[in-house]
């Protein structure tokens, strides 16, 4: 097998791409089997070691993971269905690069509130927070506040007055009466957007990343630190452990005593 000494990632990212494509075509045409493209591109393993799947098995692998392992499937981006990502680290990187995150919710301790586009995020700002409706601020975007008090202060300082035309900030409180009902004011006739049950316009909340794998959105989605190992693919971790064990065994057999263990390349180093 010409791939016995070639890792999946290397074969996919080098001149081996043509040969790998031939292998995948052969598996599909002759055996009705296929490789997981995400595992081929990212998993640190030899191509000969990658599992072959039937059409049903590949769907289970993508959505639910593999039985008998800690792998629970490749996470999906709800905005880009059916696009999936190798692990949660890469999904979060994609969300921070291609979609929008509510920084107000994040500051309030409600993390990972992602929206498909700015239009959806702006609607969320207007419904859940306090958005400045001044034309200049609407064009500038992201001029939103945690409280009405902060919004009125902004309007007075920047625009010379509040949206009501008064220089005073009025505080209003709503309370529940004996009937346990709340005065919600006049009701509006629902529009078609109120009956849009697709995820477009709603928040997608993926699983959290450990603090060490947090992204700096102001830096264009770059990782602040190397991702915590618990966010990586279990098979990736297993193969890395096997390689380390084998390296230690070879060093022992040859009587080598390195000053410190040899560091294997990390995902961050490979990406660089």
C-alpha atoms as a PDB file:
ATOM      1  CA  UNK A   1       0.000   0.000   0.000  1.00  0.00           C
ATOM      2  CA  UNK A   2       1.632   3.231  -1.110  1.00  0.00           C
ATOM      3  CA  UNK A   3      -0.010   5.081   1.794  1.00  0.00           C
ATOM      4  CA  UNK A   4       1.398   2.876   4.557  1.00  0.00           C
ATOM      5  CA  UNK A   5       4.124   5.429   5.337  1.00  0.00           C
ATOM      6  CA  UNK A   6       2.065   8.533   4.593  1.00  0.00           C
ATOM      7  CA  UNK A   7      -0.119  10.347   7.066  1.00  0.00           C
ATOM      8  CA  UNK A   8      -3.609  11.293   5.987  1.00  0.00           C
ATOM      9  CA  UNK A   9      -2.986  15.021   6.396  1.00  0.00           C
ATOM     10  CA  UNK A  10       0.249  14.868   4.403  1.00  0.00           C
ATOM     11  CA  UNK A  11      -1.355  12.900   1.578  1.00  0.00           C
ATOM     12  CA  UNK A  12      -4.234  15.340   1.421  1.00  0.00           C
ATOM     13  CA  UNK A  13      -2.078  18.487   1.476  1.00  0.00           C
ATOM     14  CA  UNK A  14       0.725  17.440  -0.867  1.00  0.00           C
ATOM     15  CA  UNK A  15       1.315  15.812  -4.220  1.00  0.00           C
ATOM     16  CA  UNK A  16      -0.314  12.706  -2.797  1.00  0.00           C
ATOM     17  CA  UNK A  17      -3.692  14.317  -3.331  1.00  0.00           C
ATOM     18  CA  UNK A  18      -4.091  12.702  -6.774  1.00  0.00           C
ATOM     19  CA  UNK A  19      -3.182   9.239  -5.479  1.00  0.00           C
ATOM     20  CA  UNK A  20      -5.472   9.696  -2.488  1.00  0.00           C
ATOM     21  CA  UNK A  21      -8.307  10.661  -4.804  1.00  0.00           C
ATOM     22  CA  UNK A  22      -7.681   7.494  -6.815  1.00  0.00           C
ATOM     23  CA  UNK A  23      -7.857   5.444  -3.629  1.00  0.00           C
ATOM     24  CA  UNK A  24     -11.129   7.074  -2.586  1.00  0.00           C
ATOM     25  CA  UNK A  25     -12.602   6.552  -6.071  1.00  0.00           C
ATOM     26  CA  UNK A  26     -11.521   2.909  -5.977  1.00  0.00           C
ATOM     27  CA  UNK A  27     -13.107   2.354  -2.570  1.00  0.00           C
ATOM     28  CA  UNK A  28     -16.349   3.939  -3.708  1.00  0.00           C
ATOM     29  CA  UNK A  29     -16.611   2.189  -7.088  1.00  0.00           C
ATOM     30  CA  UNK A  30     -15.293  -1.286  -6.234  1.00  0.00           C
ATOM     31  CA  UNK A  31     -16.204  -1.707  -2.591  1.00  0.00           C
ATOM     32  CA  UNK A  32     -18.944   0.900  -2.008  1.00  0.00           C
ATOM     33  CA  UNK A  33     -16.903   2.281   0.861  1.00  0.00           C
ATOM     34  CA  UNK A  34     -15.548   5.726   1.635  1.00  0.00           C
ATOM     35  CA  UNK A  35     -13.189   7.604   3.921  1.00  0.00           C
ATOM     36  CA  UNK A  36     -14.201  10.491   6.157  1.00  0.00           C
ATOM     37  CA  UNK A  37     -12.846  13.566   4.371  1.00  0.00           C
ATOM     38  CA  UNK A  38     -12.500  15.495   7.642  1.00  0.00           C
ATOM     39  CA  UNK A  39     -10.416  12.711   9.182  1.00  0.00           C
ATOM     40  CA  UNK A  40      -8.320  12.497   6.006  1.00  0.00           C
ATOM     41  CA  UNK A  41      -7.548  16.217   6.138  1.00  0.00           C
ATOM     42  CA  UNK A  42      -6.913  16.611   9.855  1.00  0.00           C
ATOM     43  CA  UNK A  43      -6.227  13.324  11.606  1.00  0.00           C
ATOM     44  CA  UNK A  44      -2.629  12.541  12.463  1.00  0.00           C
ATOM     45  CA  UNK A  45      -2.600   8.953  11.238  1.00  0.00           C
ATOM     46  CA  UNK A  46      -1.547   6.836   8.277  1.00  0.00           C
ATOM     47  CA  UNK A  47      -4.089   6.532   5.499  1.00  0.00           C
ATOM     48  CA  UNK A  48      -3.973   2.753   5.816  1.00  0.00           C
ATOM     49  CA  UNK A  49      -5.132   3.116   9.432  1.00  0.00           C
ATOM     50  CA  UNK A  50      -8.202   5.209   8.656  1.00  0.00           C
ATOM     51  CA  UNK A  51     -11.498   3.314   8.829  1.00  0.00           C
ATOM     52  CA  UNK A  52     -13.590   2.664   5.731  1.00  0.00           C
ATOM     53  CA  UNK A  53     -17.308   3.377   5.954  1.00  0.00           C
ATOM     54  CA  UNK A  54     -20.460   2.345   4.141  1.00  0.00           C
ATOM     55  CA  UNK A  55     -22.940   5.088   3.235  1.00  0.00           C
ATOM     56  CA  UNK A  56     -24.881   4.478   6.456  1.00  0.00           C
ATOM     57  CA  UNK A  57     -21.777   4.186   8.603  1.00  0.00           C
ATOM     58  CA  UNK A  58     -20.311   7.482   7.368  1.00  0.00           C
ATOM     59  CA  UNK A  59     -23.488   9.312   8.384  1.00  0.00           C
ATOM     60  CA  UNK A  60     -23.371   7.750  11.850  1.00  0.00           C
ATOM     61  CA  UNK A  61     -19.676   8.632  12.082  1.00  0.00           C
ATOM     62  CA  UNK A  62     -20.336  12.271  11.182  1.00  0.00           C
ATOM     63  CA  UNK A  63     -23.403  12.762  13.377  1.00  0.00           C
ATOM     64  CA  UNK A  64     -22.941  10.415  16.343  1.00  0.00           C
ATOM     65  CA  UNK A  65     -19.312   9.302  16.316  1.00  0.00           C
ATOM     66  CA  UNK A  66     -17.878   5.802  16.513  1.00  0.00           C
ATOM     67  CA  UNK A  67     -19.101   3.157  18.937  1.00  0.00           C
ATOM     68  CA  UNK A  68     -16.640   2.190  21.625  1.00  0.00           C
ATOM     69  CA  UNK A  69     -14.744   5.498  21.436  1.00  0.00           C
ATOM     70  CA  UNK A  70     -15.012   8.929  23.050  1.00  0.00           C
ATOM     71  CA  UNK A  71     -15.590  10.492  19.636  1.00  0.00           C
ATOM     72  CA  UNK A  72     -19.123  11.939  19.388  1.00  0.00           C
ATOM     73  CA  UNK A  73     -19.128  13.059  15.789  1.00  0.00           C
ATOM     74  CA  UNK A  74     -17.916  16.055  13.810  1.00  0.00           C
ATOM     75  CA  UNK A  75     -19.767  19.222  14.965  1.00  0.00           C
ATOM     76  CA  UNK A  76     -21.980  20.988  12.441  1.00  0.00           C
ATOM     77  CA  UNK A  77     -22.422  24.710  11.791  1.00  0.00           C
ATOM     78  CA  UNK A  78     -26.162  25.292  11.976  1.00  0.00           C
ATOM     79  CA  UNK A  79     -25.800  28.304   9.677  1.00  0.00           C
ATOM     80  CA  UNK A  80     -23.895  26.421   6.960  1.00  0.00           C
ATOM     81  CA  UNK A  81     -25.681  23.063   6.973  1.00  0.00           C
ATOM     82  CA  UNK A  82     -24.607  20.443   6.067  1.00  0.00           C
ATOM     83  CA  UNK A  83     -21.030  21.685   6.585  1.00  0.00           C
ATOM     84  CA  UNK A  84     -19.235  20.008   9.481  1.00  0.00           C
ATOM     85  CA  UNK A  85     -15.879  20.573  11.174  1.00  0.00           C
ATOM     86  CA  UNK A  86     -13.212  18.249  12.502  1.00  0.00           C
ATOM     87  CA  UNK A  87     -13.644  19.253  16.156  1.00  0.00           C
ATOM     88  CA  UNK A  88     -15.144  21.947  18.371  1.00  0.00           C
ATOM     89  CA  UNK A  89     -12.008  24.082  18.137  1.00  0.00           C
ATOM     90  CA  UNK A  90     -12.334  24.394  14.371  1.00  0.00           C
ATOM     91  CA  UNK A  91     -16.081  25.016  14.602  1.00  0.00           C
ATOM     92  CA  UNK A  92     -15.520  27.946  16.962  1.00  0.00           C
ATOM     93  CA  UNK A  93     -12.790  29.313  14.713  1.00  0.00           C
ATOM     94  CA  UNK A  94     -15.232  29.195  11.764  1.00  0.00           C
ATOM     95  CA  UNK A  95     -18.025  30.861  13.766  1.00  0.00           C
ATOM     96  CA  UNK A  96     -15.749  33.698  14.868  1.00  0.00           C
ATOM     97  CA  UNK A  97     -14.460  34.190  11.303  1.00  0.00           C
ATOM     98  CA  UNK A  98     -17.634  33.823   9.243  1.00  0.00           C
ATOM     99  CA  UNK A  99     -20.511  34.723  11.567  1.00  0.00           C
ATOM    100  CA  UNK A 100     -21.350  37.172  14.351  1.00  0.00           C
ATOM    101  CA  UNK A 101     -21.187  36.843  18.119  1.00  0.00           C
ATOM    102  CA  UNK A 102     -23.176  38.966  20.568  1.00  0.00           C
ATOM    103  CA  UNK A 103     -20.615  40.715  22.751  1.00  0.00           C
ATOM    104  CA  UNK A 104     -23.318  42.103  25.036  1.00  0.00           C
ATOM    105  CA  UNK A 105     -24.535  38.619  25.947  1.00  0.00           C
ATOM    106  CA  UNK A 106     -20.939  37.487  26.341  1.00  0.00           C
ATOM    107  CA  UNK A 107     -20.253  40.323  28.771  1.00  0.00           C
ATOM    108  CA  UNK A 108     -23.404  39.443  30.714  1.00  0.00           C
ATOM    109  CA  UNK A 109     -22.204  35.867  31.210  1.00  0.00           C
ATOM    110  CA  UNK A 110     -24.236  34.264  28.399  1.00  0.00           C
ATOM    111  CA  UNK A 111     -21.485  32.940  26.104  1.00  0.00           C
ATOM    112  CA  UNK A 112     -21.433  31.688  22.524  1.00  0.00           C
ATOM    113  CA  UNK A 113     -24.517  33.473  21.187  1.00  0.00           C
ATOM    114  CA  UNK A 114     -23.743  33.358  17.460  1.00  0.00           C
ATOM    115  CA  UNK A 115     -25.840  34.758  14.607  1.00  0.00           C
ATOM    116  CA  UNK A 116     -25.672  34.049  10.903  1.00  0.00           C
ATOM    117  CA  UNK A 117     -25.175  37.640   9.729  1.00  0.00           C
ATOM    118  CA  UNK A 118     -25.247  41.177  11.054  1.00  0.00           C
ATOM    119  CA  UNK A 119     -28.905  41.627  10.110  1.00  0.00           C
ATOM    120  CA  UNK A 120     -29.827  38.802  12.476  1.00  0.00           C
ATOM    121  CA  UNK A 121     -27.499  40.132  15.158  1.00  0.00           C
ATOM    122  CA  UNK A 122     -28.933  43.649  14.831  1.00  0.00           C
ATOM    123  CA  UNK A 123     -32.457  42.248  15.262  1.00  0.00           C
ATOM    124  CA  UNK A 124     -31.229  40.506  18.403  1.00  0.00           C
ATOM    125  CA  UNK A 125     -29.676  43.774  19.627  1.00  0.00           C
ATOM    126  CA  UNK A 126     -33.003  45.545  19.145  1.00  0.00           C
ATOM    127  CA  UNK A 127     -35.111  42.829  20.791  1.00  0.00           C
ATOM    128  CA  UNK A 128     -32.895  41.791  23.694  1.00  0.00           C
ATOM    129  CA  UNK A 129     -30.650  44.781  24.378  1.00  0.00           C
ATOM    130  CA  UNK A 130     -30.738  48.560  23.806  1.00  0.00           C
ATOM    131  CA  UNK A 131     -29.799  49.570  20.273  1.00  0.00           C
ATOM    132  CA  UNK A 132     -29.203  53.171  19.277  1.00  0.00           C
ATOM    133  CA  UNK A 133     -31.458  53.968  16.314  1.00  0.00           C
ATOM    134  CA  UNK A 134     -29.642  57.118  15.242  1.00  0.00           C
ATOM    135  CA  UNK A 135     -28.853  56.906  11.511  1.00  0.00           C
ATOM    136  CA  UNK A 136     -25.144  57.429  12.050  1.00  0.00           C
ATOM    137  CA  UNK A 137     -24.981  54.785  14.762  1.00  0.00           C
ATOM    138  CA  UNK A 138     -27.006  52.337  12.693  1.00  0.00           C
ATOM    139  CA  UNK A 139     -24.520  52.782   9.847  1.00  0.00           C
ATOM    140  CA  UNK A 140     -21.559  52.432  12.209  1.00  0.00           C
ATOM    141  CA  UNK A 141     -23.089  49.207  13.606  1.00  0.00           C
ATOM    142  CA  UNK A 142     -22.580  47.574  17.016  1.00  0.00           C
ATOM    143  CA  UNK A 143     -23.733  50.683  18.919  1.00  0.00           C
ATOM    144  CA  UNK A 144     -25.724  48.789  21.520  1.00  0.00           C
ATOM    145  CA  UNK A 145     -25.940  48.926  25.299  1.00  0.00           C
ATOM    146  CA  UNK A 146     -26.679  46.653  28.218  1.00  0.00           C
ATOM    147  CA  UNK A 147     -29.269  48.932  29.825  1.00  0.00           C
ATOM    148  CA  UNK A 148     -31.656  51.695  28.864  1.00  0.00           C
ATOM    149  CA  UNK A 149     -29.805  53.983  31.249  1.00  0.00           C
ATOM    150  CA  UNK A 150     -26.600  53.513  29.256  1.00  0.00           C
ATOM    151  CA  UNK A 151     -28.449  54.097  25.974  1.00  0.00           C
ATOM    152  CA  UNK A 152     -30.035  57.345  27.195  1.00  0.00           C
ATOM    153  CA  UNK A 153     -26.664  58.555  28.492  1.00  0.00           C
ATOM    154  CA  UNK A 154     -25.146  57.835  25.060  1.00  0.00           C
ATOM    155  CA  UNK A 155     -27.962  59.687  23.279  1.00  0.00           C
ATOM    156  CA  UNK A 156     -27.554  62.726  25.505  1.00  0.00           C
ATOM    157  CA  UNK A 157     -23.747  62.820  25.230  1.00  0.00           C
ATOM    158  CA  UNK A 158     -23.421  62.008  21.521  1.00  0.00           C
ATOM    159  CA  UNK A 159     -26.668  63.164  19.937  1.00  0.00           C
ATOM    160  CA  UNK A 160     -27.563  66.066  22.238  1.00  0.00           C
ATOM    161  CA  UNK A 161     -30.696  64.499  23.692  1.00  0.00           C
ATOM    162  CA  UNK A 162     -32.673  61.294  24.079  1.00  0.00           C
ATOM    163  CA  UNK A 163     -34.833  59.787  21.371  1.00  0.00           C
ATOM    164  CA  UNK A 164     -37.854  61.239  23.178  1.00  0.00           C
ATOM    165  CA  UNK A 165     -36.489  64.790  22.711  1.00  0.00           C
ATOM    166  CA  UNK A 166     -36.058  65.284  26.443  1.00  0.00           C
ATOM    167  CA  UNK A 167     -32.749  65.961  28.187  1.00  0.00           C
ATOM    168  CA  UNK A 168     -33.953  63.956  31.171  1.00  0.00           C
ATOM    169  CA  UNK A 169     -33.767  60.218  31.548  1.00  0.00           C
ATOM    170  CA  UNK A 170     -37.095  58.715  32.530  1.00  0.00           C
ATOM    171  CA  UNK A 171     -37.184  55.476  34.440  1.00  0.00           C
ATOM    172  CA  UNK A 172     -40.233  53.258  34.058  1.00  0.00           C
ATOM    173  CA  UNK A 173     -40.998  50.079  35.955  1.00  0.00           C
ATOM    174  CA  UNK A 174     -43.464  47.342  35.108  1.00  0.00           C
ATOM    175  CA  UNK A 175     -44.778  45.069  37.786  1.00  0.00           C
ATOM    176  CA  UNK A 176     -47.085  42.102  38.065  1.00  0.00           C
ATOM    177  CA  UNK A 177     -50.478  42.719  39.629  1.00  0.00           C
ATOM    178  CA  UNK A 178     -52.583  40.325  41.641  1.00  0.00           C
ATOM    179  CA  UNK A 179     -53.595  38.515  38.494  1.00  0.00           C
ATOM    180  CA  UNK A 180     -49.900  37.749  37.845  1.00  0.00           C
ATOM    181  CA  UNK A 181     -50.091  39.477  34.486  1.00  0.00           C
ATOM    182  CA  UNK A 182     -47.660  42.097  33.280  1.00  0.00           C
ATOM    183  CA  UNK A 183     -48.610  45.283  31.499  1.00  0.00           C
ATOM    184  CA  UNK A 184     -46.895  44.850  28.152  1.00  0.00           C
ATOM    185  CA  UNK A 185     -48.447  47.861  26.493  1.00  0.00           C
ATOM    186  CA  UNK A 186     -50.205  47.905  23.126  1.00  0.00           C
ATOM    187  CA  UNK A 187     -49.898  44.741  21.064  1.00  0.00           C
ATOM    188  CA  UNK A 188     -48.708  44.696  17.436  1.00  0.00           C
ATOM    189  CA  UNK A 189     -50.099  42.573  14.660  1.00  0.00           C
ATOM    190  CA  UNK A 190     -47.571  39.751  14.062  1.00  0.00           C
ATOM    191  CA  UNK A 191     -45.618  39.845  10.808  1.00  0.00           C
ATOM    192  CA  UNK A 192     -44.392  36.959   8.664  1.00  0.00           C
ATOM    193  CA  UNK A 193     -40.984  37.158  10.365  1.00  0.00           C
ATOM    194  CA  UNK A 194     -42.669  36.101  13.610  1.00  0.00           C
ATOM    195  CA  UNK A 195     -43.478  32.778  12.004  1.00  0.00           C
ATOM    196  CA  UNK A 196     -40.006  32.082  10.637  1.00  0.00           C
ATOM    197  CA  UNK A 197     -38.893  29.011  12.554  1.00  0.00           C
ATOM    198  CA  UNK A 198     -35.640  28.458  10.661  1.00  0.00           C
ATOM    199  CA  UNK A 199     -32.343  29.131  12.432  1.00  0.00           C
ATOM    200  CA  UNK A 200     -31.804  32.184  10.228  1.00  0.00           C
ATOM    201  CA  UNK A 201     -32.298  35.071  12.633  1.00  0.00           C
ATOM    202  CA  UNK A 202     -31.920  32.940  15.740  1.00  0.00           C
ATOM    203  CA  UNK A 203     -28.885  32.259  17.867  1.00  0.00           C
ATOM    204  CA  UNK A 204     -26.752  29.151  17.426  1.00  0.00           C
ATOM    205  CA  UNK A 205     -25.171  28.169  20.737  1.00  0.00           C
ATOM    206  CA  UNK A 206     -22.387  25.560  20.301  1.00  0.00           C
ATOM    207  CA  UNK A 207     -20.701  23.761  23.178  1.00  0.00           C
ATOM    208  CA  UNK A 208     -18.229  25.813  25.172  1.00  0.00           C
ATOM    209  CA  UNK A 209     -14.490  25.687  24.677  1.00  0.00           C
ATOM    210  CA  UNK A 210     -12.129  25.579  27.667  1.00  0.00           C
ATOM    211  CA  UNK A 211     -10.748  28.959  28.656  1.00  0.00           C
ATOM    212  CA  UNK A 212      -7.362  28.072  27.153  1.00  0.00           C
ATOM    213  CA  UNK A 213      -8.969  27.699  23.730  1.00  0.00           C
ATOM    214  CA  UNK A 214     -10.872  30.986  23.772  1.00  0.00           C
ATOM    215  CA  UNK A 215     -10.735  33.119  20.658  1.00  0.00           C
ATOM    216  CA  UNK A 216      -9.816  36.763  20.436  1.00  0.00           C
ATOM    217  CA  UNK A 217     -12.492  38.027  18.068  1.00  0.00           C
ATOM    218  CA  UNK A 218     -10.878  41.442  17.874  1.00  0.00           C
ATOM    219  CA  UNK A 219      -7.764  39.776  16.436  1.00  0.00           C
ATOM    220  CA  UNK A 220      -9.697  38.259  13.575  1.00  0.00           C
ATOM    221  CA  UNK A 221     -10.580  34.984  15.263  1.00  0.00           C
ATOM    222  CA  UNK A 222      -7.008  33.893  16.033  1.00  0.00           C
ATOM    223  CA  UNK A 223      -6.498  31.547  18.944  1.00  0.00           C
ATOM    224  CA  UNK A 224      -4.980  33.081  22.054  1.00  0.00           C
ATOM    225  CA  UNK A 225      -3.470  29.777  23.186  1.00  0.00           C
ATOM    226  CA  UNK A 226      -3.146  26.225  21.995  1.00  0.00           C
ATOM    227  CA  UNK A 227      -6.473  24.428  22.254  1.00  0.00           C
ATOM    228  CA  UNK A 228      -7.029  22.285  25.329  1.00  0.00           C
ATOM    229  CA  UNK A 229      -6.464  18.598  24.438  1.00  0.00           C
ATOM    230  CA  UNK A 230     -10.020  17.739  25.500  1.00  0.00           C
ATOM    231  CA  UNK A 231     -11.361  19.669  22.504  1.00  0.00           C
ATOM    232  CA  UNK A 232      -9.373  17.653  19.976  1.00  0.00           C
ATOM    233  CA  UNK A 233     -10.453  14.530  18.143  1.00  0.00           C
ATOM    234  CA  UNK A 234     -10.026  11.471  20.468  1.00  0.00           C
ATOM    235  CA  UNK A 235      -8.406   9.440  17.680  1.00  0.00           C
ATOM    236  CA  UNK A 236      -5.924  12.291  17.153  1.00  0.00           C
ATOM    237  CA  UNK A 237      -4.989  12.143  20.828  1.00  0.00           C
ATOM    238  CA  UNK A 238      -4.766   8.354  20.788  1.00  0.00           C
ATOM    239  CA  UNK A 239      -2.459   8.331  17.769  1.00  0.00           C
ATOM    240  CA  UNK A 240      -0.244  11.036  19.284  1.00  0.00           C
ATOM    241  CA  UNK A 241       0.083   8.989  22.478  1.00  0.00           C
ATOM    242  CA  UNK A 242       1.058   5.924  20.413  1.00  0.00           C
ATOM    243  CA  UNK A 243       3.716   7.909  18.551  1.00  0.00           C
ATOM    244  CA  UNK A 244       5.151   9.246  21.801  1.00  0.00           C
ATOM    245  CA  UNK A 245       5.240   5.759  23.314  1.00  0.00           C
ATOM    246  CA  UNK A 246       6.961   4.342  20.236  1.00  0.00           C
ATOM    247  CA  UNK A 247       9.535   7.166  20.237  1.00  0.00           C
ATOM    248  CA  UNK A 248      10.328   6.518  23.899  1.00  0.00           C
ATOM    249  CA  UNK A 249      10.712   2.794  23.185  1.00  0.00           C
ATOM    250  CA  UNK A 250      13.132   3.423  20.303  1.00  0.00           C
ATOM    251  CA  UNK A 251      15.151   5.847  22.421  1.00  0.00           C
ATOM    252  CA  UNK A 252      15.384   3.267  25.184  1.00  0.00           C
ATOM    253  CA  UNK A 253      16.445   0.492  22.773  1.00  0.00           C
ATOM    254  CA  UNK A 254      19.188   2.696  21.343  1.00  0.00           C
ATOM    255  CA  UNK A 255      20.356   3.880  24.734  1.00  0.00           C
ATOM    256  CA  UNK A 256      19.472   7.477  24.000  1.00  0.00           C
ATOM    257  CA  UNK A 257      18.940   9.791  26.956  1.00  0.00           C
ATOM    258  CA  UNK A 258      17.683  13.103  25.618  1.00  0.00           C
ATOM    259  CA  UNK A 259      17.731  16.056  27.969  1.00  0.00           C
ATOM    260  CA  UNK A 260      13.997  16.489  27.457  1.00  0.00           C
ATOM    261  CA  UNK A 261      11.269  14.631  25.567  1.00  0.00           C
ATOM    262  CA  UNK A 262      10.967  15.493  21.905  1.00  0.00           C
ATOM    263  CA  UNK A 263       7.954  17.690  21.302  1.00  0.00           C
ATOM    264  CA  UNK A 264       5.581  16.522  18.602  1.00  0.00           C
ATOM    265  CA  UNK A 265       4.085  19.190  16.361  1.00  0.00           C
ATOM    266  CA  UNK A 266       0.856  20.691  17.656  1.00  0.00           C
ATOM    267  CA  UNK A 267      -2.166  21.715  15.601  1.00  0.00           C
ATOM    268  CA  UNK A 268      -1.263  25.348  16.141  1.00  0.00           C
ATOM    269  CA  UNK A 269       2.279  24.765  14.851  1.00  0.00           C
ATOM    270  CA  UNK A 270       0.981  22.859  11.844  1.00  0.00           C
ATOM    271  CA  UNK A 271      -1.455  25.657  11.028  1.00  0.00           C
ATOM    272  CA  UNK A 272       1.360  28.200  11.190  1.00  0.00           C
END
